[in-house]
Amino acid sequence: MLRRLALTVITLVLAVPAQAQLMDVLTAPKTLIDRAIEARSASDIAKDNVIVAKVNGYMGKHATIKASTEIYEQRLLITGLFDDKATYDQFQKDVRGVEGVRKLYWHVTYLAKDDAKRKALPGWADTVEMGVKAQGRLIGTRGVADVNFRTTVDSFGTVYVIGRARSQEEANKALARLKEGEGVKKVVNYIDVRP
């Protein structure tokens, strides 16, 4: 079973375009360590990994890197900006069909290539940088177990956070730190609070 799971994950990861794997490569050592010390079971983490591998497979199938996935306890958060309506529709249909997702937070937007709103949006690299900085602000924040939080940023300056806080005080500290970033227009909170 574990061998089959590993082969499935490897196959799906290899199907994703190289650009989509950039953040995974840059953050892999910390991510692997974090997963080992998270406040949840290995089986729960494995379930999340299978779901993300399936979603990444759909990204590969549609040859797109225009979506970002974060997951915690089978609660799946997806952000992104598509400029092709047919790809957007099919990707959404595929993602909604993934088994095992307890809750889907869909924050993917379709905006035509020629839409005037696109001119004011930051580039992909700027959005990625804002996301890395958001997660970085949680690291080392006293009273915040950053390993239990996942963050991502969309092209509109919205920071999304999903995960689990051990107390409302911890959640409040995490949210306050995420709001401090340059260019952050708002923070969307999907943190569960429980010991």
C-alpha atoms as a PDB file:
ATOM      1  CA  MET A   1       0.000   0.000   0.000  1.00  0.00           C
ATOM      2  CA  LEU A   2       2.735   2.464   0.993  1.00  0.00           C
ATOM      3  CA  ARG A   3       4.791   1.583  -2.081  1.00  0.00           C
ATOM      4  CA  ARG A   4       1.772   2.148  -4.342  1.00  0.00           C
ATOM      5  CA  LEU A   5       1.092   5.484  -2.650  1.00  0.00           C
ATOM      6  CA  ALA A   6       4.713   6.552  -3.120  1.00  0.00           C
ATOM      7  CA  LEU A   7       4.644   5.613  -6.810  1.00  0.00           C
ATOM      8  CA  THR A   8       1.382   7.509  -7.303  1.00  0.00           C
ATOM      9  CA  VAL A   9       2.784  10.626  -5.635  1.00  0.00           C
ATOM     10  CA  ILE A  10       5.993  10.472  -7.688  1.00  0.00           C
ATOM     11  CA  THR A  11       4.055  10.008 -10.923  1.00  0.00           C
ATOM     12  CA  LEU A  12       1.741  12.928 -10.193  1.00  0.00           C
ATOM     13  CA  VAL A  13       4.543  15.232  -9.068  1.00  0.00           C
ATOM     14  CA  LEU A  14       6.506  14.518 -12.229  1.00  0.00           C
ATOM     15  CA  ALA A  15       3.441  15.427 -14.285  1.00  0.00           C
ATOM     16  CA  VAL A  16       3.409  18.975 -12.872  1.00  0.00           C
ATOM     17  CA  PRO A  17       5.285  21.624 -14.874  1.00  0.00           C
ATOM     18  CA  ALA A  18       8.711  22.541 -13.486  1.00  0.00           C
ATOM     19  CA  GLN A  19       7.638  26.063 -12.535  1.00  0.00           C
ATOM     20  CA  ALA A  20       4.873  24.695 -10.304  1.00  0.00           C
ATOM     21  CA  GLN A  21       7.440  22.665  -8.390  1.00  0.00           C
ATOM     22  CA  LEU A  22       9.737  25.650  -7.750  1.00  0.00           C
ATOM     23  CA  MET A  23       8.288  26.516  -4.345  1.00  0.00           C
ATOM     24  CA  ASP A  24       8.310  22.844  -3.339  1.00  0.00           C
ATOM     25  CA  VAL A  25      12.026  22.624  -4.159  1.00  0.00           C
ATOM     26  CA  LEU A  26      12.853  25.861  -2.327  1.00  0.00           C
ATOM     27  CA  THR A  27      10.941  24.925   0.805  1.00  0.00           C
ATOM     28  CA  ALA A  28      11.335  21.127   0.793  1.00  0.00           C
ATOM     29  CA  PRO A  29      13.885  20.717   3.628  1.00  0.00           C
ATOM     30  CA  LYS A  30      11.867  22.848   6.054  1.00  0.00           C
ATOM     31  CA  THR A  31       8.599  21.274   4.898  1.00  0.00           C
ATOM     32  CA  LEU A  32       9.866  17.745   5.566  1.00  0.00           C
ATOM     33  CA  ILE A  33      11.093  18.692   9.041  1.00  0.00           C
ATOM     34  CA  ASP A  34       7.860  20.553   9.794  1.00  0.00           C
ATOM     35  CA  ARG A  35       5.713  17.605   8.769  1.00  0.00           C
ATOM     36  CA  ALA A  36       7.656  15.397  11.178  1.00  0.00           C
ATOM     37  CA  ILE A  37       6.861  17.626  14.183  1.00  0.00           C
ATOM     38  CA  GLU A  38       3.291  18.652  13.373  1.00  0.00           C
ATOM     39  CA  ALA A  39       0.579  18.180  15.969  1.00  0.00           C
ATOM     40  CA  ARG A  40      -1.219  15.509  13.956  1.00  0.00           C
ATOM     41  CA  SER A  41      -0.854  11.906  12.905  1.00  0.00           C
ATOM     42  CA  ALA A  42       1.217  10.524  10.067  1.00  0.00           C
ATOM     43  CA  SER A  43      -1.937   9.014   8.588  1.00  0.00           C
ATOM     44  CA  ASP A  44      -3.611  12.438   8.519  1.00  0.00           C
ATOM     45  CA  ILE A  45      -0.574  13.937   6.793  1.00  0.00           C
ATOM     46  CA  ALA A  46      -0.570  11.053   4.288  1.00  0.00           C
ATOM     47  CA  LYS A  47      -4.226  11.715   3.429  1.00  0.00           C
ATOM     48  CA  ASP A  48      -3.392  15.365   2.771  1.00  0.00           C
ATOM     49  CA  ASN A  49      -0.447  14.388   0.573  1.00  0.00           C
ATOM     50  CA  VAL A  50      -2.611  12.091  -1.561  1.00  0.00           C
ATOM     51  CA  ILE A  51      -5.173  14.865  -2.106  1.00  0.00           C
ATOM     52  CA  VAL A  52      -2.530  17.439  -3.056  1.00  0.00           C
ATOM     53  CA  ALA A  53      -0.864  14.942  -5.396  1.00  0.00           C
ATOM     54  CA  LYS A  54      -4.191  14.462  -7.196  1.00  0.00           C
ATOM     55  CA  VAL A  55      -4.720  18.226  -7.503  1.00  0.00           C
ATOM     56  CA  ASN A  56      -1.153  18.676  -8.751  1.00  0.00           C
ATOM     57  CA  GLY A  57      -1.871  15.938 -11.267  1.00  0.00           C
ATOM     58  CA  TYR A  58      -4.807  17.962 -12.563  1.00  0.00           C
ATOM     59  CA  MET A  59      -2.554  21.008 -12.817  1.00  0.00           C
ATOM     60  CA  GLY A  60      -0.185  18.910 -14.910  1.00  0.00           C
ATOM     61  CA  LYS A  61      -3.049  17.573 -17.009  1.00  0.00           C
ATOM     62  CA  HIS A  62      -4.118  21.130 -17.815  1.00  0.00           C
ATOM     63  CA  ALA A  63      -0.492  22.286 -18.212  1.00  0.00           C
ATOM     64  CA  THR A  64      -1.041  25.122 -15.785  1.00  0.00           C
ATOM     65  CA  ILE A  65       0.756  26.585 -12.788  1.00  0.00           C
ATOM     66  CA  LYS A  66      -1.942  29.159 -12.208  1.00  0.00           C
ATOM     67  CA  ALA A  67      -3.229  27.605  -9.000  1.00  0.00           C
ATOM     68  CA  SER A  68      -1.776  27.184  -5.536  1.00  0.00           C
ATOM     69  CA  THR A  69      -2.825  24.515  -3.051  1.00  0.00           C
ATOM     70  CA  GLU A  70      -2.588  24.395   0.708  1.00  0.00           C
ATOM     71  CA  ILE A  71      -4.144  21.694   2.823  1.00  0.00           C
ATOM     72  CA  TYR A  72      -4.600  20.853   6.482  1.00  0.00           C
ATOM     73  CA  GLU A  73      -6.613  17.927   7.821  1.00  0.00           C
ATOM     74  CA  GLN A  74      -8.225  17.336   4.417  1.00  0.00           C
ATOM     75  CA  ARG A  75      -9.432  20.944   4.280  1.00  0.00           C
ATOM     76  CA  LEU A  76      -8.210  22.066   0.871  1.00  0.00           C
ATOM     77  CA  LEU A  77      -7.509  25.719   0.047  1.00  0.00           C
ATOM     78  CA  ILE A  78      -6.985  26.616  -3.587  1.00  0.00           C
ATOM     79  CA  THR A  79      -6.109  30.052  -4.933  1.00  0.00           C
ATOM     80  CA  GLY A  80      -5.201  31.125  -8.421  1.00  0.00           C
ATOM     81  CA  LEU A  81      -5.870  33.273 -11.434  1.00  0.00           C
ATOM     82  CA  PHE A  82      -6.831  31.729 -14.782  1.00  0.00           C
ATOM     83  CA  ASP A  83      -7.107  33.537 -18.093  1.00  0.00           C
ATOM     84  CA  ASP A  84      -8.707  30.665 -20.013  1.00  0.00           C
ATOM     85  CA  LYS A  85     -12.333  29.984 -19.080  1.00  0.00           C
ATOM     86  CA  ALA A  86     -12.412  26.407 -20.377  1.00  0.00           C
ATOM     87  CA  THR A  87      -9.288  25.476 -18.364  1.00  0.00           C
ATOM     88  CA  TYR A  88     -10.700  27.205 -15.281  1.00  0.00           C
ATOM     89  CA  ASP A  89     -14.011  25.330 -15.573  1.00  0.00           C
ATOM     90  CA  GLN A  90     -12.388  21.931 -16.141  1.00  0.00           C
ATOM     91  CA  PHE A  91      -9.860  22.413 -13.340  1.00  0.00           C
ATOM     92  CA  GLN A  92     -12.650  23.349 -10.924  1.00  0.00           C
ATOM     93  CA  LYS A  93     -14.683  20.299 -11.970  1.00  0.00           C
ATOM     94  CA  ASP A  94     -11.668  18.019 -11.520  1.00  0.00           C
ATOM     95  CA  VAL A  95     -10.780  19.440  -8.093  1.00  0.00           C
ATOM     96  CA  ARG A  96     -14.355  19.203  -6.832  1.00  0.00           C
ATOM     97  CA  GLY A  97     -14.271  15.504  -7.776  1.00  0.00           C
ATOM     98  CA  VAL A  98     -11.220  14.666  -5.654  1.00  0.00           C
ATOM     99  CA  GLU A  99     -12.149  12.110  -3.009  1.00  0.00           C
ATOM    100  CA  GLY A 100     -11.262  12.643   0.625  1.00  0.00           C
ATOM    101  CA  VAL A 101     -11.624  16.425   0.716  1.00  0.00           C
ATOM    102  CA  ARG A 102     -13.604  17.339   3.844  1.00  0.00           C
ATOM    103  CA  LYS A 103     -13.933  21.029   2.953  1.00  0.00           C
ATOM    104  CA  LEU A 104     -12.932  22.945  -0.172  1.00  0.00           C
ATOM    105  CA  TYR A 105     -12.089  26.646   0.035  1.00  0.00           C
ATOM    106  CA  TRP A 106     -12.170  27.733  -3.609  1.00  0.00           C
ATOM    107  CA  HIS A 107     -10.525  31.121  -4.210  1.00  0.00           C
ATOM    108  CA  VAL A 108      -9.615  30.711  -7.847  1.00  0.00           C
ATOM    109  CA  THR A 109     -10.580  33.547 -10.173  1.00  0.00           C
ATOM    110  CA  TYR A 110     -11.130  33.703 -13.900  1.00  0.00           C
ATOM    111  CA  LEU A 111     -10.030  36.990 -15.467  1.00  0.00           C
ATOM    112  CA  ALA A 112      -9.711  37.298 -19.247  1.00  0.00           C
ATOM    113  CA  LYS A 113      -6.271  38.142 -20.665  1.00  0.00           C
ATOM    114  CA  ASP A 114      -7.526  41.473 -21.983  1.00  0.00           C
ATOM    115  CA  ASP A 115      -9.372  42.490 -18.801  1.00  0.00           C
ATOM    116  CA  ALA A 116      -8.184  45.939 -17.672  1.00  0.00           C
ATOM    117  CA  LYS A 117      -8.010  44.732 -14.041  1.00  0.00           C
ATOM    118  CA  ARG A 118      -4.977  42.607 -14.957  1.00  0.00           C
ATOM    119  CA  LYS A 119      -2.772  45.684 -15.494  1.00  0.00           C
ATOM    120  CA  ALA A 120      -2.832  46.566 -11.781  1.00  0.00           C
ATOM    121  CA  LEU A 121      -1.986  43.052 -10.586  1.00  0.00           C
ATOM    122  CA  PRO A 122       1.505  42.077  -9.423  1.00  0.00           C
ATOM    123  CA  GLY A 123       3.443  39.460 -11.343  1.00  0.00           C
ATOM    124  CA  TRP A 124       3.652  35.790 -10.360  1.00  0.00           C
ATOM    125  CA  ALA A 125       7.117  36.236  -8.816  1.00  0.00           C
ATOM    126  CA  ASP A 126       5.867  39.120  -6.641  1.00  0.00           C
ATOM    127  CA  THR A 127       2.914  37.051  -5.464  1.00  0.00           C
ATOM    128  CA  VAL A 128       5.158  34.095  -4.616  1.00  0.00           C
ATOM    129  CA  GLU A 129       7.512  36.412  -2.714  1.00  0.00           C
ATOM    130  CA  MET A 130       4.621  37.846  -0.697  1.00  0.00           C
ATOM    131  CA  GLY A 131       3.515  34.307   0.174  1.00  0.00           C
ATOM    132  CA  VAL A 132       6.982  33.233   1.293  1.00  0.00           C
ATOM    133  CA  LYS A 133       7.278  36.339   3.462  1.00  0.00           C
ATOM    134  CA  ALA A 134       3.845  35.719   5.002  1.00  0.00           C
ATOM    135  CA  GLN A 135       4.821  32.197   6.084  1.00  0.00           C
ATOM    136  CA  GLY A 136       8.187  33.519   7.199  1.00  0.00           C
ATOM    137  CA  ARG A 137       6.571  35.987   9.580  1.00  0.00           C
ATOM    138  CA  LEU A 138       5.053  33.064  11.483  1.00  0.00           C
ATOM    139  CA  ILE A 139       8.420  31.374  11.944  1.00  0.00           C
ATOM    140  CA  GLY A 140       9.941  32.398  15.228  1.00  0.00           C
ATOM    141  CA  THR A 141       6.841  34.220  16.438  1.00  0.00           C
ATOM    142  CA  ARG A 142       6.654  33.441  20.130  1.00  0.00           C
ATOM    143  CA  GLY A 143       3.556  31.401  20.951  1.00  0.00           C
ATOM    144  CA  VAL A 144       2.851  30.411  17.310  1.00  0.00           C
ATOM    145  CA  ALA A 145       3.554  26.844  16.148  1.00  0.00           C
ATOM    146  CA  ASP A 146       4.193  27.764  12.504  1.00  0.00           C
ATOM    147  CA  VAL A 147       4.273  24.084  11.493  1.00  0.00           C
ATOM    148  CA  ASN A 148       0.514  23.915  12.025  1.00  0.00           C
ATOM    149  CA  PHE A 149      -0.269  26.737   9.594  1.00  0.00           C
ATOM    150  CA  ARG A 150      -0.188  26.979   5.804  1.00  0.00           C
ATOM    151  CA  THR A 151      -0.307  30.310   3.998  1.00  0.00           C
ATOM    152  CA  THR A 152      -0.738  31.401   0.420  1.00  0.00           C
ATOM    153  CA  VAL A 153      -1.323  34.733  -1.307  1.00  0.00           C
ATOM    154  CA  ASP A 154      -3.390  35.584  -4.352  1.00  0.00           C
ATOM    155  CA  SER A 155      -2.772  38.203  -7.038  1.00  0.00           C
ATOM    156  CA  PHE A 156      -5.066  40.662  -5.280  1.00  0.00           C
ATOM    157  CA  GLY A 157      -2.937  40.976  -2.108  1.00  0.00           C
ATOM    158  CA  THR A 158      -5.044  38.613  -0.016  1.00  0.00           C
ATOM    159  CA  VAL A 159      -3.208  36.306   2.385  1.00  0.00           C
ATOM    160  CA  TYR A 160      -5.000  33.044   3.172  1.00  0.00           C
ATOM    161  CA  VAL A 161      -4.151  30.955   6.223  1.00  0.00           C
ATOM    162  CA  ILE A 162      -5.324  27.437   7.009  1.00  0.00           C
ATOM    163  CA  GLY A 163      -4.335  25.178   9.865  1.00  0.00           C
ATOM    164  CA  ARG A 164      -4.848  24.659  13.552  1.00  0.00           C
ATOM    165  CA  ALA A 165      -4.145  26.833  16.580  1.00  0.00           C
ATOM    166  CA  ARG A 166      -3.940  25.419  20.088  1.00  0.00           C
ATOM    167  CA  SER A 167      -5.716  28.505  21.482  1.00  0.00           C
ATOM    168  CA  GLN A 168      -7.517  31.638  20.342  1.00  0.00           C
ATOM    169  CA  GLU A 169      -4.509  33.630  21.558  1.00  0.00           C
ATOM    170  CA  GLU A 170      -2.236  31.678  19.191  1.00  0.00           C
ATOM    171  CA  ALA A 171      -4.642  32.209  16.286  1.00  0.00           C
ATOM    172  CA  ASN A 172      -4.805  35.939  17.033  1.00  0.00           C
ATOM    173  CA  LYS A 173      -0.994  36.223  17.114  1.00  0.00           C
ATOM    174  CA  ALA A 174      -0.691  34.392  13.796  1.00  0.00           C
ATOM    175  CA  LEU A 175      -3.324  36.598  12.151  1.00  0.00           C
ATOM    176  CA  ALA A 176      -1.692  39.771  13.485  1.00  0.00           C
ATOM    177  CA  ARG A 177       1.704  38.735  12.057  1.00  0.00           C
ATOM    178  CA  LEU A 178       0.194  37.896   8.672  1.00  0.00           C
ATOM    179  CA  LYS A 179      -1.461  41.325   8.443  1.00  0.00           C
ATOM    180  CA  GLU A 180       1.880  43.083   8.925  1.00  0.00           C
ATOM    181  CA  GLY A 181       3.228  42.359   5.449  1.00  0.00           C
ATOM    182  CA  GLU A 182       3.835  44.963   2.795  1.00  0.00           C
ATOM    183  CA  GLY A 183       1.130  44.830   0.126  1.00  0.00           C
ATOM    184  CA  VAL A 184      -1.253  42.757   2.260  1.00  0.00           C
ATOM    185  CA  LYS A 185      -4.763  44.041   1.661  1.00  0.00           C
ATOM    186  CA  LYS A 186      -6.599  41.471   3.794  1.00  0.00           C
ATOM    187  CA  VAL A 187      -6.202  38.121   5.532  1.00  0.00           C
ATOM    188  CA  VAL A 188      -8.705  35.293   5.098  1.00  0.00           C
ATOM    189  CA  ASN A 189      -8.744  33.042   8.151  1.00  0.00           C
ATOM    190  CA  TYR A 190      -9.377  29.280   7.942  1.00  0.00           C
ATOM    191  CA  ILE A 191      -7.712  28.434  11.267  1.00  0.00           C
ATOM    192  CA  ASP A 192      -9.417  25.862  13.493  1.00  0.00           C
ATOM    193  CA  VAL A 193      -8.871  26.551  17.182  1.00  0.00           C
ATOM    194  CA  ARG A 194      -8.557  23.478  19.382  1.00  0.00           C
ATOM    195  CA  PRO A 195      -5.975  22.090  21.814  1.00  0.00           C
END
